[in-house]
Amino acid sequence: MRKIEAIIKPSRLNIVKDALNEVGVKGMTVTEAKGFGRQKGKKEIIRGAEYKVDFLSKVKLEIVCKEEAVEEILDIIIANAKTGEIGDGKIFIYPVEEVVRIRTGERGETAI
């Protein structure tokens, strides 16, 4: 099993979620996040004054899936989160040793 973490623009969340639902992704966790990468934030003008915004709003998607589903999920996230502009985000993939469904005690892939 693998855990996919994707940091994306908030405006792309529903598009990505809908595309993942179409291929049968049964669940995900979404967390509001703030951060910066190479762009180091951005400058905004509010009432004529310039302000530097260091941390930009992002969302983090977390999906645990079978090994075989990783490439398809990656392709969907990339295709639907990509705007071609700086700040589109990153995807991280981690191994998952075990999953336990608290309600039933199921373990492994059946607990996903």
PDB file of N, CA and C in Angstrom:
ATOM      1  N   MET A   1       0.848  -1.182   0.000  1.00  0.00           N
ATOM      2  CA  MET A   1       0.000   0.000   0.000  1.00  0.00           C
ATOM      3  C   MET A   1       0.885   1.234   0.000  1.00  0.00           C
ATOM      4  N   ARG A   2       0.313   2.308  -0.509  1.00  0.00           N
ATOM      5  CA  ARG A   2       1.033   3.579  -0.583  1.00  0.00           C
ATOM      6  C   ARG A   2       0.146   4.713  -0.090  1.00  0.00           C
ATOM      7  N   LYS A   3       0.796   5.750   0.410  1.00  0.00           N
ATOM      8  CA  LYS A   3       0.094   6.978   0.779  1.00  0.00           C
ATOM      9  C   LYS A   3       0.556   8.060  -0.186  1.00  0.00           C
ATOM     10  N   ILE A   4      -0.405   8.711  -0.820  1.00  0.00           N
ATOM     11  CA  ILE A   4      -0.119   9.800  -1.740  1.00  0.00           C
ATOM     12  C   ILE A   4      -0.529  11.101  -1.050  1.00  0.00           C
ATOM     13  N   GLU A   5       0.410  12.021  -0.929  1.00  0.00           N
ATOM     14  CA  GLU A   5       0.118  13.360  -0.414  1.00  0.00           C
ATOM     15  C   GLU A   5       0.324  14.340  -1.552  1.00  0.00           C
ATOM     16  N   ALA A   6      -0.699  15.104  -1.841  1.00  0.00           N
ATOM     17  CA  ALA A   6      -0.607  16.098  -2.910  1.00  0.00           C
ATOM     18  C   ALA A   6      -0.916  17.467  -2.319  1.00  0.00           C
ATOM     19  N   ILE A   7      -0.026  18.408  -2.542  1.00  0.00           N
ATOM     20  CA  ILE A   7      -0.231  19.798  -2.128  1.00  0.00           C
ATOM     21  C   ILE A   7      -0.632  20.538  -3.396  1.00  0.00           C
ATOM     22  N   ILE A   8      -1.858  21.077  -3.425  1.00  0.00           N
ATOM     23  CA  ILE A   8      -2.360  21.715  -4.640  1.00  0.00           C
ATOM     24  C   ILE A   8      -3.017  23.054  -4.314  1.00  0.00           C
ATOM     25  N   LYS A   9      -3.332  23.795  -5.362  1.00  0.00           N
ATOM     26  CA  LYS A   9      -4.052  25.059  -5.202  1.00  0.00           C
ATOM     27  C   LYS A   9      -5.492  24.771  -4.772  1.00  0.00           C
ATOM     28  N   PRO A  10      -6.029  25.543  -3.838  1.00  0.00           N
ATOM     29  CA  PRO A  10      -7.406  25.316  -3.384  1.00  0.00           C
ATOM     30  C   PRO A  10      -8.430  25.378  -4.515  1.00  0.00           C
ATOM     31  N   SER A  11      -8.185  26.188  -5.507  1.00  0.00           N
ATOM     32  CA  SER A  11      -9.131  26.335  -6.612  1.00  0.00           C
ATOM     33  C   SER A  11      -9.252  25.069  -7.459  1.00  0.00           C
ATOM     34  N   ARG A  12      -8.311  24.146  -7.330  1.00  0.00           N
ATOM     35  CA  ARG A  12      -8.319  22.915  -8.127  1.00  0.00           C
ATOM     36  C   ARG A  12      -8.883  21.722  -7.348  1.00  0.00           C
ATOM     37  N   LEU A  13      -9.214  21.912  -6.081  1.00  0.00           N
ATOM     38  CA  LEU A  13      -9.622  20.798  -5.229  1.00  0.00           C
ATOM     39  C   LEU A  13     -10.840  20.049  -5.765  1.00  0.00           C
ATOM     40  N   ASN A  14     -11.914  20.739  -6.070  1.00  0.00           N
ATOM     41  CA  ASN A  14     -13.129  20.055  -6.519  1.00  0.00           C
ATOM     42  C   ASN A  14     -12.932  19.336  -7.848  1.00  0.00           C
ATOM     43  N   ILE A  15     -12.142  19.912  -8.721  1.00  0.00           N
ATOM     44  CA  ILE A  15     -11.859  19.284 -10.014  1.00  0.00           C
ATOM     45  C   ILE A  15     -11.105  17.971  -9.804  1.00  0.00           C
ATOM     46  N   VAL A  16     -10.086  18.011  -8.947  1.00  0.00           N
ATOM     47  CA  VAL A  16      -9.300  16.812  -8.653  1.00  0.00           C
ATOM     48  C   VAL A  16     -10.171  15.768  -7.950  1.00  0.00           C
ATOM     49  N   LYS A  17     -10.941  16.194  -6.955  1.00  0.00           N
ATOM     50  CA  LYS A  17     -11.812  15.277  -6.200  1.00  0.00           C
ATOM     51  C   LYS A  17     -12.796  14.567  -7.124  1.00  0.00           C
ATOM     52  N   ASP A  18     -13.455  15.328  -8.003  1.00  0.00           N
ATOM     53  CA  ASP A  18     -14.426  14.731  -8.921  1.00  0.00           C
ATOM     54  C   ASP A  18     -13.764  13.717  -9.857  1.00  0.00           C
ATOM     55  N   ALA A  19     -12.584  14.044 -10.354  1.00  0.00           N
ATOM     56  CA  ALA A  19     -11.871  13.123 -11.248  1.00  0.00           C
ATOM     57  C   ALA A  19     -11.465  11.849 -10.516  1.00  0.00           C
ATOM     58  N   LEU A  20     -11.040  11.974  -9.263  1.00  0.00           N
ATOM     59  CA  LEU A  20     -10.670  10.792  -8.480  1.00  0.00           C
ATOM     60  C   LEU A  20     -11.898   9.935  -8.157  1.00  0.00           C
ATOM     61  N   ASN A  21     -13.019  10.577  -7.886  1.00  0.00           N
ATOM     62  CA  ASN A  21     -14.255   9.837  -7.619  1.00  0.00           C
ATOM     63  C   ASN A  21     -14.670   9.010  -8.833  1.00  0.00           C
ATOM     64  N   GLU A  22     -14.464   9.543 -10.031  1.00  0.00           N
ATOM     65  CA  GLU A  22     -14.842   8.845 -11.262  1.00  0.00           C
ATOM     66  C   GLU A  22     -14.104   7.527 -11.452  1.00  0.00           C
ATOM     67  N   VAL A  23     -12.874   7.431 -10.924  1.00  0.00           N
ATOM     68  CA  VAL A  23     -12.109   6.187 -11.073  1.00  0.00           C
ATOM     69  C   VAL A  23     -12.202   5.303  -9.839  1.00  0.00           C
ATOM     70  N   GLY A  24     -13.061   5.676  -8.897  1.00  0.00           N
ATOM     71  CA  GLY A  24     -13.324   4.799  -7.765  1.00  0.00           C
ATOM     72  C   GLY A  24     -12.508   5.026  -6.521  1.00  0.00           C
ATOM     73  N   VAL A  25     -11.836   6.165  -6.404  1.00  0.00           N
ATOM     74  CA  VAL A  25     -11.146   6.457  -5.146  1.00  0.00           C
ATOM     75  C   VAL A  25     -12.223   6.644  -4.091  1.00  0.00           C
ATOM     76  N   LYS A  26     -12.181   5.821  -3.055  1.00  0.00           N
ATOM     77  CA  LYS A  26     -13.268   5.766  -2.082  1.00  0.00           C
ATOM     78  C   LYS A  26     -13.140   6.778  -0.953  1.00  0.00           C
ATOM     79  N   GLY A  27     -11.947   7.278  -0.704  1.00  0.00           N
ATOM     80  CA  GLY A  27     -11.791   8.215   0.392  1.00  0.00           C
ATOM     81  C   GLY A  27     -10.504   8.998   0.298  1.00  0.00           C
ATOM     82  N   MET A  28     -10.519  10.136   0.931  1.00  0.00           N
ATOM     83  CA  MET A  28      -9.322  10.964   1.004  1.00  0.00           C
ATOM     84  C   MET A  28      -9.476  11.906   2.182  1.00  0.00           C
ATOM     85  N   THR A  29      -8.378  12.415   2.657  1.00  0.00           N
ATOM     86  CA  THR A  29      -8.382  13.429   3.700  1.00  0.00           C
ATOM     87  C   THR A  29      -7.890  14.717   3.073  1.00  0.00           C
ATOM     88  N   VAL A  30      -8.570  15.817   3.370  1.00  0.00           N
ATOM     89  CA  VAL A  30      -8.188  17.123   2.838  1.00  0.00           C
ATOM     90  C   VAL A  30      -7.928  18.045   4.018  1.00  0.00           C
ATOM     91  N   THR A  31      -6.776  18.701   3.987  1.00  0.00           N
ATOM     92  CA  THR A  31      -6.386  19.621   5.038  1.00  0.00           C
ATOM     93  C   THR A  31      -6.031  20.964   4.415  1.00  0.00           C
ATOM     94  N   GLU A  32      -6.535  22.042   5.002  1.00  0.00           N
ATOM     95  CA  GLU A  32      -6.115  23.364   4.555  1.00  0.00           C
ATOM     96  C   GLU A  32      -4.692  23.595   5.049  1.00  0.00           C
ATOM     97  N   ALA A  33      -3.861  24.133   4.178  1.00  0.00           N
ATOM     98  CA  ALA A  33      -2.456  24.329   4.518  1.00  0.00           C
ATOM     99  C   ALA A  33      -1.985  25.682   4.014  1.00  0.00           C
ATOM    100  N   LYS A  34      -0.873  26.129   4.547  1.00  0.00           N
ATOM    101  CA  LYS A  34      -0.212  27.329   4.063  1.00  0.00           C
ATOM    102  C   LYS A  34       1.248  26.997   3.877  1.00  0.00           C
ATOM    103  N   GLY A  35       1.850  27.565   2.849  1.00  0.00           N
ATOM    104  CA  GLY A  35       3.254  27.284   2.623  1.00  0.00           C
ATOM    105  C   GLY A  35       3.803  28.075   1.453  1.00  0.00           C
ATOM    106  N   PHE A  36       5.060  27.818   1.159  1.00  0.00           N
ATOM    107  CA  PHE A  36       5.684  28.442  -0.006  1.00  0.00           C
ATOM    108  C   PHE A  36       6.748  27.515  -0.544  1.00  0.00           C
ATOM    109  N   GLY A  37       7.050  27.714  -1.793  1.00  0.00           N
ATOM    110  CA  GLY A  37       8.103  26.953  -2.451  1.00  0.00           C
ATOM    111  C   GLY A  37       9.089  27.915  -3.069  1.00  0.00           C
ATOM    112  N   ARG A  38       9.442  27.656  -4.298  1.00  0.00           N
ATOM    113  CA  ARG A  38      10.424  28.488  -4.990  1.00  0.00           C
ATOM    114  C   ARG A  38       9.965  29.923  -5.161  1.00  0.00           C
ATOM    115  N   GLN A  39       8.646  30.128  -5.254  1.00  0.00           N
ATOM    116  CA  GLN A  39       8.153  31.481  -5.504  1.00  0.00           C
ATOM    117  C   GLN A  39       8.275  32.393  -4.285  1.00  0.00           C
ATOM    118  N   LYS A  40       8.467  31.806  -3.109  1.00  0.00           N
ATOM    119  CA  LYS A  40       8.672  32.571  -1.866  1.00  0.00           C
ATOM    120  C   LYS A  40       7.531  33.535  -1.568  1.00  0.00           C
ATOM    121  N   GLY A  41       6.299  33.105  -1.768  1.00  0.00           N
ATOM    122  CA  GLY A  41       5.142  33.959  -1.489  1.00  0.00           C
ATOM    123  C   GLY A  41       4.825  34.859  -2.664  1.00  0.00           C
ATOM    124  N   LYS A  42       4.063  35.927  -2.387  1.00  0.00           N
ATOM    125  CA  LYS A  42       3.717  36.869  -3.451  1.00  0.00           C
ATOM    126  C   LYS A  42       3.441  38.234  -2.836  1.00  0.00           C
ATOM    127  N   LYS A  43       3.387  39.233  -3.694  1.00  0.00           N
ATOM    128  CA  LYS A  43       3.087  40.590  -3.246  1.00  0.00           C
ATOM    129  C   LYS A  43       1.662  40.941  -3.637  1.00  0.00           C
ATOM    130  N   GLU A  44       0.935  41.577  -2.716  1.00  0.00           N
ATOM    131  CA  GLU A  44      -0.423  42.028  -2.982  1.00  0.00           C
ATOM    132  C   GLU A  44      -0.520  43.509  -2.651  1.00  0.00           C
ATOM    133  N   ILE A  45      -1.397  44.185  -3.371  1.00  0.00           N
ATOM    134  CA  ILE A  45      -1.634  45.599  -3.105  1.00  0.00           C
ATOM    135  C   ILE A  45      -3.028  45.718  -2.496  1.00  0.00           C
ATOM    136  N   ILE A  46      -3.070  46.220  -1.261  1.00  0.00           N
ATOM    137  CA  ILE A  46      -4.325  46.401  -0.539  1.00  0.00           C
ATOM    138  C   ILE A  46      -4.438  47.863  -0.153  1.00  0.00           C
ATOM    139  N   ARG A  47      -5.485  48.525  -0.689  1.00  0.00           N
ATOM    140  CA  ARG A  47      -5.715  49.961  -0.451  1.00  0.00           C
ATOM    141  C   ARG A  47      -4.479  50.802  -0.762  1.00  0.00           C
ATOM    142  N   GLY A  48      -3.838  50.463  -1.844  1.00  0.00           N
ATOM    143  CA  GLY A  48      -2.698  51.236  -2.309  1.00  0.00           C
ATOM    144  C   GLY A  48      -1.374  50.894  -1.657  1.00  0.00           C
ATOM    145  N   ALA A  49      -1.376  50.063  -0.630  1.00  0.00           N
ATOM    146  CA  ALA A  49      -0.137  49.673   0.042  1.00  0.00           C
ATOM    147  C   ALA A  49       0.257  48.265  -0.396  1.00  0.00           C
ATOM    148  N   GLU A  50       1.540  48.069  -0.580  1.00  0.00           N
ATOM    149  CA  GLU A  50       2.048  46.772  -1.010  1.00  0.00           C
ATOM    150  C   GLU A  50       2.391  45.919   0.200  1.00  0.00           C
ATOM    151  N   TYR A  51       1.907  44.676   0.200  1.00  0.00           N
ATOM    152  CA  TYR A  51       2.179  43.740   1.277  1.00  0.00           C
ATOM    153  C   TYR A  51       2.780  42.470   0.699  1.00  0.00           C
ATOM    154  N   LYS A  52       3.699  41.886   1.440  1.00  0.00           N
ATOM    155  CA  LYS A  52       4.275  40.606   1.030  1.00  0.00           C
ATOM    156  C   LYS A  52       3.555  39.498   1.790  1.00  0.00           C
ATOM    157  N   VAL A  53       3.005  38.552   1.045  1.00  0.00           N
ATOM    158  CA  VAL A  53       2.343  37.392   1.634  1.00  0.00           C
ATOM    159  C   VAL A  53       3.335  36.236   1.542  1.00  0.00           C
ATOM    160  N   ASP A  54       3.894  35.838   2.693  1.00  0.00           N
ATOM    161  CA  ASP A  54       4.918  34.790   2.704  1.00  0.00           C
ATOM    162  C   ASP A  54       4.340  33.396   2.503  1.00  0.00           C
ATOM    163  N   PHE A  55       3.216  33.112   3.150  1.00  0.00           N
ATOM    164  CA  PHE A  55       2.629  31.779   3.083  1.00  0.00           C
ATOM    165  C   PHE A  55       1.356  31.818   2.255  1.00  0.00           C
ATOM    166  N   LEU A  56       1.321  31.005   1.216  1.00  0.00           N
ATOM    167  CA  LEU A  56       0.173  30.961   0.318  1.00  0.00           C
ATOM    168  C   LEU A  56      -0.775  29.832   0.732  1.00  0.00           C
ATOM    169  N   SER A  57      -2.057  30.031   0.489  1.00  0.00           N
ATOM    170  CA  SER A  57      -3.056  29.019   0.808  1.00  0.00           C
ATOM    171  C   SER A  57      -2.935  27.840  -0.153  1.00  0.00           C
ATOM    172  N   LYS A  58      -2.934  26.658   0.414  1.00  0.00           N
ATOM    173  CA  LYS A  58      -2.881  25.405  -0.345  1.00  0.00           C
ATOM    174  C   LYS A  58      -3.821  24.413   0.326  1.00  0.00           C
ATOM    175  N   VAL A  59      -4.063  23.296  -0.317  1.00  0.00           N
ATOM    176  CA  VAL A  59      -4.751  22.180   0.317  1.00  0.00           C
ATOM    177  C   VAL A  59      -3.884  20.939   0.162  1.00  0.00           C
ATOM    178  N   LYS A  60      -3.933  20.088   1.171  1.00  0.00           N
ATOM    179  CA  LYS A  60      -3.183  18.831   1.129  1.00  0.00           C
ATOM    180  C   LYS A  60      -4.182  17.689   1.045  1.00  0.00           C
ATOM    181  N   LEU A  61      -4.066  16.891  -0.007  1.00  0.00           N
ATOM    182  CA  LEU A  61      -4.869  15.682  -0.171  1.00  0.00           C
ATOM    183  C   LEU A  61      -4.032  14.502   0.294  1.00  0.00           C
ATOM    184  N   GLU A  62      -4.643  13.612   1.052  1.00  0.00           N
ATOM    185  CA  GLU A  62      -3.971  12.392   1.478  1.00  0.00           C
ATOM    186  C   GLU A  62      -4.841  11.213   1.064  1.00  0.00           C
ATOM    187  N   ILE A  63      -4.243  10.297   0.319  1.00  0.00           N
ATOM    188  CA  ILE A  63      -4.961   9.133  -0.194  1.00  0.00           C
ATOM    189  C   ILE A  63      -4.101   7.899   0.066  1.00  0.00           C
ATOM    190  N   VAL A  64      -4.695   6.871   0.663  1.00  0.00           N
ATOM    191  CA  VAL A  64      -4.013   5.594   0.821  1.00  0.00           C
ATOM    192  C   VAL A  64      -4.652   4.636  -0.174  1.00  0.00           C
ATOM    193  N   CYS A  65      -3.806   3.952  -0.942  1.00  0.00           N
ATOM    194  CA  CYS A  65      -4.325   3.096  -2.009  1.00  0.00           C
ATOM    195  C   CYS A  65      -3.440   1.872  -2.194  1.00  0.00           C
ATOM    196  N   LYS A  66      -3.930   0.948  -3.009  1.00  0.00           N
ATOM    197  CA  LYS A  66      -3.141  -0.215  -3.389  1.00  0.00           C
ATOM    198  C   LYS A  66      -1.993   0.234  -4.279  1.00  0.00           C
ATOM    199  N   GLU A  67      -0.930  -0.519  -4.246  1.00  0.00           N
ATOM    200  CA  GLU A  67       0.255  -0.224  -5.063  1.00  0.00           C
ATOM    201  C   GLU A  67      -0.102  -0.060  -6.538  1.00  0.00           C
ATOM    202  N   GLU A  68      -1.008  -0.911  -7.032  1.00  0.00           N
ATOM    203  CA  GLU A  68      -1.364  -0.901  -8.455  1.00  0.00           C
ATOM    204  C   GLU A  68      -2.093   0.363  -8.876  1.00  0.00           C
ATOM    205  N   ALA A  69      -2.695   1.072  -7.943  1.00  0.00           N
ATOM    206  CA  ALA A  69      -3.491   2.257  -8.279  1.00  0.00           C
ATOM    207  C   ALA A  69      -2.685   3.554  -8.271  1.00  0.00           C
ATOM    208  N   VAL A  70      -1.448   3.504  -7.808  1.00  0.00           N
ATOM    209  CA  VAL A  70      -0.655   4.722  -7.627  1.00  0.00           C
ATOM    210  C   VAL A  70      -0.493   5.514  -8.922  1.00  0.00           C
ATOM    211  N   GLU A  71      -0.071   4.886  -9.990  1.00  0.00           N
ATOM    212  CA  GLU A  71       0.193   5.608 -11.241  1.00  0.00           C
ATOM    213  C   GLU A  71      -1.065   6.268 -11.794  1.00  0.00           C
ATOM    214  N   GLU A  72      -2.192   5.565 -11.743  1.00  0.00           N
ATOM    215  CA  GLU A  72      -3.441   6.136 -12.240  1.00  0.00           C
ATOM    216  C   GLU A  72      -3.850   7.359 -11.409  1.00  0.00           C
ATOM    217  N   ILE A  73      -3.723   7.251 -10.097  1.00  0.00           N
ATOM    218  CA  ILE A  73      -4.071   8.373  -9.221  1.00  0.00           C
ATOM    219  C   ILE A  73      -3.131   9.546  -9.459  1.00  0.00           C
ATOM    220  N   LEU A  74      -1.841   9.271  -9.600  1.00  0.00           N
ATOM    221  CA  LEU A  74      -0.876  10.345  -9.903  1.00  0.00           C
ATOM    222  C   LEU A  74      -1.239  11.057 -11.199  1.00  0.00           C
ATOM    223  N   ASP A  75      -1.526  10.295 -12.240  1.00  0.00           N
ATOM    224  CA  ASP A  75      -1.873  10.892 -13.532  1.00  0.00           C
ATOM    225  C   ASP A  75      -3.107  11.782 -13.422  1.00  0.00           C
ATOM    226  N   ILE A  76      -4.093  11.332 -12.654  1.00  0.00           N
ATOM    227  CA  ILE A  76      -5.320  12.116 -12.490  1.00  0.00           C
ATOM    228  C   ILE A  76      -5.053  13.404 -11.725  1.00  0.00           C
ATOM    229  N   ILE A  77      -4.289  13.315 -10.648  1.00  0.00           N
ATOM    230  CA  ILE A  77      -3.979  14.521  -9.870  1.00  0.00           C
ATOM    231  C   ILE A  77      -3.208  15.515 -10.729  1.00  0.00           C
ATOM    232  N   ILE A  78      -2.189  15.041 -11.419  1.00  0.00           N
ATOM    233  CA  ILE A  78      -1.376  15.931 -12.252  1.00  0.00           C
ATOM    234  C   ILE A  78      -2.227  16.591 -13.337  1.00  0.00           C
ATOM    235  N   ALA A  79      -3.018  15.800 -14.040  1.00  0.00           N
ATOM    236  CA  ALA A  79      -3.825  16.324 -15.145  1.00  0.00           C
ATOM    237  C   ALA A  79      -4.845  17.360 -14.679  1.00  0.00           C
ATOM    238  N   ASN A  80      -5.383  17.184 -13.474  1.00  0.00           N
ATOM    239  CA  ASN A  80      -6.458  18.059 -13.019  1.00  0.00           C
ATOM    240  C   ASN A  80      -6.012  19.176 -12.091  1.00  0.00           C
ATOM    241  N   ALA A  81      -4.816  19.076 -11.513  1.00  0.00           N
ATOM    242  CA  ALA A  81      -4.317  20.135 -10.636  1.00  0.00           C
ATOM    243  C   ALA A  81      -3.411  21.109 -11.383  1.00  0.00           C
ATOM    244  N   LYS A  82      -2.930  20.705 -12.535  1.00  0.00           N
ATOM    245  CA  LYS A  82      -1.964  21.510 -13.281  1.00  0.00           C
ATOM    246  C   LYS A  82      -2.630  22.704 -13.955  1.00  0.00           C
ATOM    247  N   THR A  83      -2.086  23.894 -13.679  1.00  0.00           N
ATOM    248  CA  THR A  83      -2.527  25.106 -14.362  1.00  0.00           C
ATOM    249  C   THR A  83      -1.426  25.626 -15.282  1.00  0.00           C
ATOM    250  N   GLY A  84      -0.212  25.123 -15.092  1.00  0.00           N
ATOM    251  CA  GLY A  84       0.920  25.590 -15.867  1.00  0.00           C
ATOM    252  C   GLY A  84       1.582  26.813 -15.268  1.00  0.00           C
ATOM    253  N   GLU A  85       1.074  27.252 -14.130  1.00  0.00           N
ATOM    254  CA  GLU A  85       1.632  28.426 -13.452  1.00  0.00           C
ATOM    255  C   GLU A  85       2.452  27.983 -12.249  1.00  0.00           C
ATOM    256  N   ILE A  86       3.336  28.858 -11.805  1.00  0.00           N
ATOM    257  CA  ILE A  86       4.126  28.571 -10.625  1.00  0.00           C
ATOM    258  C   ILE A  86       3.193  28.370  -9.433  1.00  0.00           C
ATOM    259  N   GLY A  87       3.534  27.426  -8.571  1.00  0.00           N
ATOM    260  CA  GLY A  87       2.718  27.168  -7.393  1.00  0.00           C
ATOM    261  C   GLY A  87       1.665  26.091  -7.576  1.00  0.00           C
ATOM    262  N   ASP A  88       1.754  25.307  -8.651  1.00  0.00           N
ATOM    263  CA  ASP A  88       0.779  24.233  -8.867  1.00  0.00           C
ATOM    264  C   ASP A  88       0.858  23.153  -7.794  1.00  0.00           C
ATOM    265  N   GLY A  89       2.016  22.970  -7.164  1.00  0.00           N
ATOM    266  CA  GLY A  89       2.107  22.048  -6.038  1.00  0.00           C
ATOM    267  C   GLY A  89       3.110  20.934  -6.215  1.00  0.00           C
ATOM    268  N   LYS A  90       3.013  19.971  -5.309  1.00  0.00           N
ATOM    269  CA  LYS A  90       3.915  18.819  -5.286  1.00  0.00           C
ATOM    270  C   LYS A  90       3.116  17.585  -4.889  1.00  0.00           C
ATOM    271  N   ILE A  91       3.666  16.410  -5.232  1.00  0.00           N
ATOM    272  CA  ILE A  91       3.081  15.137  -4.820  1.00  0.00           C
ATOM    273  C   ILE A  91       4.194  14.308  -4.182  1.00  0.00           C
ATOM    274  N   PHE A  92       3.871  13.713  -3.029  1.00  0.00           N
ATOM    275  CA  PHE A  92       4.805  12.858  -2.308  1.00  0.00           C
ATOM    276  C   PHE A  92       4.167  11.481  -2.163  1.00  0.00           C
ATOM    277  N   ILE A  93       4.982  10.429  -2.260  1.00  0.00           N
ATOM    278  CA  ILE A  93       4.476   9.059  -2.145  1.00  0.00           C
ATOM    279  C   ILE A  93       5.279   8.344  -1.062  1.00  0.00           C
ATOM    280  N   TYR A  94       4.555   7.691  -0.142  1.00  0.00           N
ATOM    281  CA  TYR A  94       5.174   7.000   0.981  1.00  0.00           C
ATOM    282  C   TYR A  94       4.674   5.560   1.050  1.00  0.00           C
ATOM    283  N   PRO A  95       5.510   4.656   1.532  1.00  0.00           N
ATOM    284  CA  PRO A  95       5.017   3.295   1.786  1.00  0.00           C
ATOM    285  C   PRO A  95       4.145   3.295   3.051  1.00  0.00           C
ATOM    286  N   VAL A  96       3.133   2.438   3.045  1.00  0.00           N
ATOM    287  CA  VAL A  96       2.258   2.280   4.213  1.00  0.00           C
ATOM    288  C   VAL A  96       2.384   0.831   4.676  1.00  0.00           C
ATOM    289  N   GLU A  97       2.779   0.630   5.911  1.00  0.00           N
ATOM    290  CA  GLU A  97       2.969  -0.720   6.435  1.00  0.00           C
ATOM    291  C   GLU A  97       1.659  -1.395   6.808  1.00  0.00           C
ATOM    292  N   GLU A  98       0.732  -0.639   7.390  1.00  0.00           N
ATOM    293  CA  GLU A  98      -0.496  -1.254   7.873  1.00  0.00           C
ATOM    294  C   GLU A  98      -1.604  -0.214   7.951  1.00  0.00           C
ATOM    295  N   VAL A  99      -2.824  -0.661   7.740  1.00  0.00           N
ATOM    296  CA  VAL A  99      -4.016   0.173   7.900  1.00  0.00           C
ATOM    297  C   VAL A  99      -4.989  -0.598   8.771  1.00  0.00           C
ATOM    298  N   VAL A 100      -5.599   0.066   9.741  1.00  0.00           N
ATOM    299  CA  VAL A 100      -6.593  -0.560  10.603  1.00  0.00           C
ATOM    300  C   VAL A 100      -7.837   0.309  10.612  1.00  0.00           C
ATOM    301  N   ARG A 101      -8.978  -0.281  10.286  1.00  0.00           N
ATOM    302  CA  ARG A 101     -10.255   0.427  10.401  1.00  0.00           C
ATOM    303  C   ARG A 101     -10.701   0.300  11.854  1.00  0.00           C
ATOM    304  N   ILE A 102     -10.804   1.410  12.531  1.00  0.00           N
ATOM    305  CA  ILE A 102     -11.103   1.410  13.963  1.00  0.00           C
ATOM    306  C   ILE A 102     -12.453   0.763  14.255  1.00  0.00           C
ATOM    307  N   ARG A 103     -13.475   1.103  13.488  1.00  0.00           N
ATOM    308  CA  ARG A 103     -14.830   0.607  13.766  1.00  0.00           C
ATOM    309  C   ARG A 103     -14.923  -0.910  13.746  1.00  0.00           C
ATOM    310  N   THR A 104     -14.289  -1.549  12.749  1.00  0.00           N
ATOM    311  CA  THR A 104     -14.460  -3.002  12.570  1.00  0.00           C
ATOM    312  C   THR A 104     -13.230  -3.822  12.944  1.00  0.00           C
ATOM    313  N   GLY A 105     -12.073  -3.165  13.045  1.00  0.00           N
ATOM    314  CA  GLY A 105     -10.847  -3.888  13.313  1.00  0.00           C
ATOM    315  C   GLY A 105     -10.213  -4.498  12.077  1.00  0.00           C
ATOM    316  N   GLU A 106     -10.818  -4.269  10.893  1.00  0.00           N
ATOM    317  CA  GLU A 106     -10.242  -4.784   9.649  1.00  0.00           C
ATOM    318  C   GLU A 106      -8.834  -4.235   9.469  1.00  0.00           C
ATOM    319  N   ARG A 107      -7.993  -5.041   8.825  1.00  0.00           N
ATOM    320  CA  ARG A 107      -6.607  -4.640   8.599  1.00  0.00           C
ATOM    321  C   ARG A 107      -6.234  -4.807   7.131  1.00  0.00           C
ATOM    322  N   GLY A 108      -5.193  -4.093   6.748  1.00  0.00           N
ATOM    323  CA  GLY A 108      -4.667  -4.206   5.399  1.00  0.00           C
ATOM    324  C   GLY A 108      -5.543  -3.525   4.365  1.00  0.00           C
ATOM    325  N   GLU A 109      -5.484  -4.025   3.134  1.00  0.00           N
ATOM    326  CA  GLU A 109      -6.194  -3.386   2.020  1.00  0.00           C
ATOM    327  C   GLU A 109      -7.703  -3.359   2.212  1.00  0.00           C
ATOM    328  N   THR A 110      -8.260  -4.307   2.956  1.00  0.00           N
ATOM    329  CA  THR A 110      -9.709  -4.285   3.196  1.00  0.00           C
ATOM    330  C   THR A 110     -10.108  -3.121   4.096  1.00  0.00           C
ATOM    331  N   ALA A 111      -9.162  -2.572   4.836  1.00  0.00           N
ATOM    332  CA  ALA A 111      -9.457  -1.431   5.711  1.00  0.00           C
ATOM    333  C   ALA A 111      -9.422  -0.101   4.961  1.00  0.00           C
ATOM    334  N   ILE A 112      -8.878  -0.120   3.746  1.00  0.00           N
ATOM    335  CA  ILE A 112      -8.855   1.125   2.954  1.00  0.00           C
ATOM    336  C   ILE A 112     -10.261   1.435   2.554  1.00  0.00           C
TER     337      ILE A 112
END
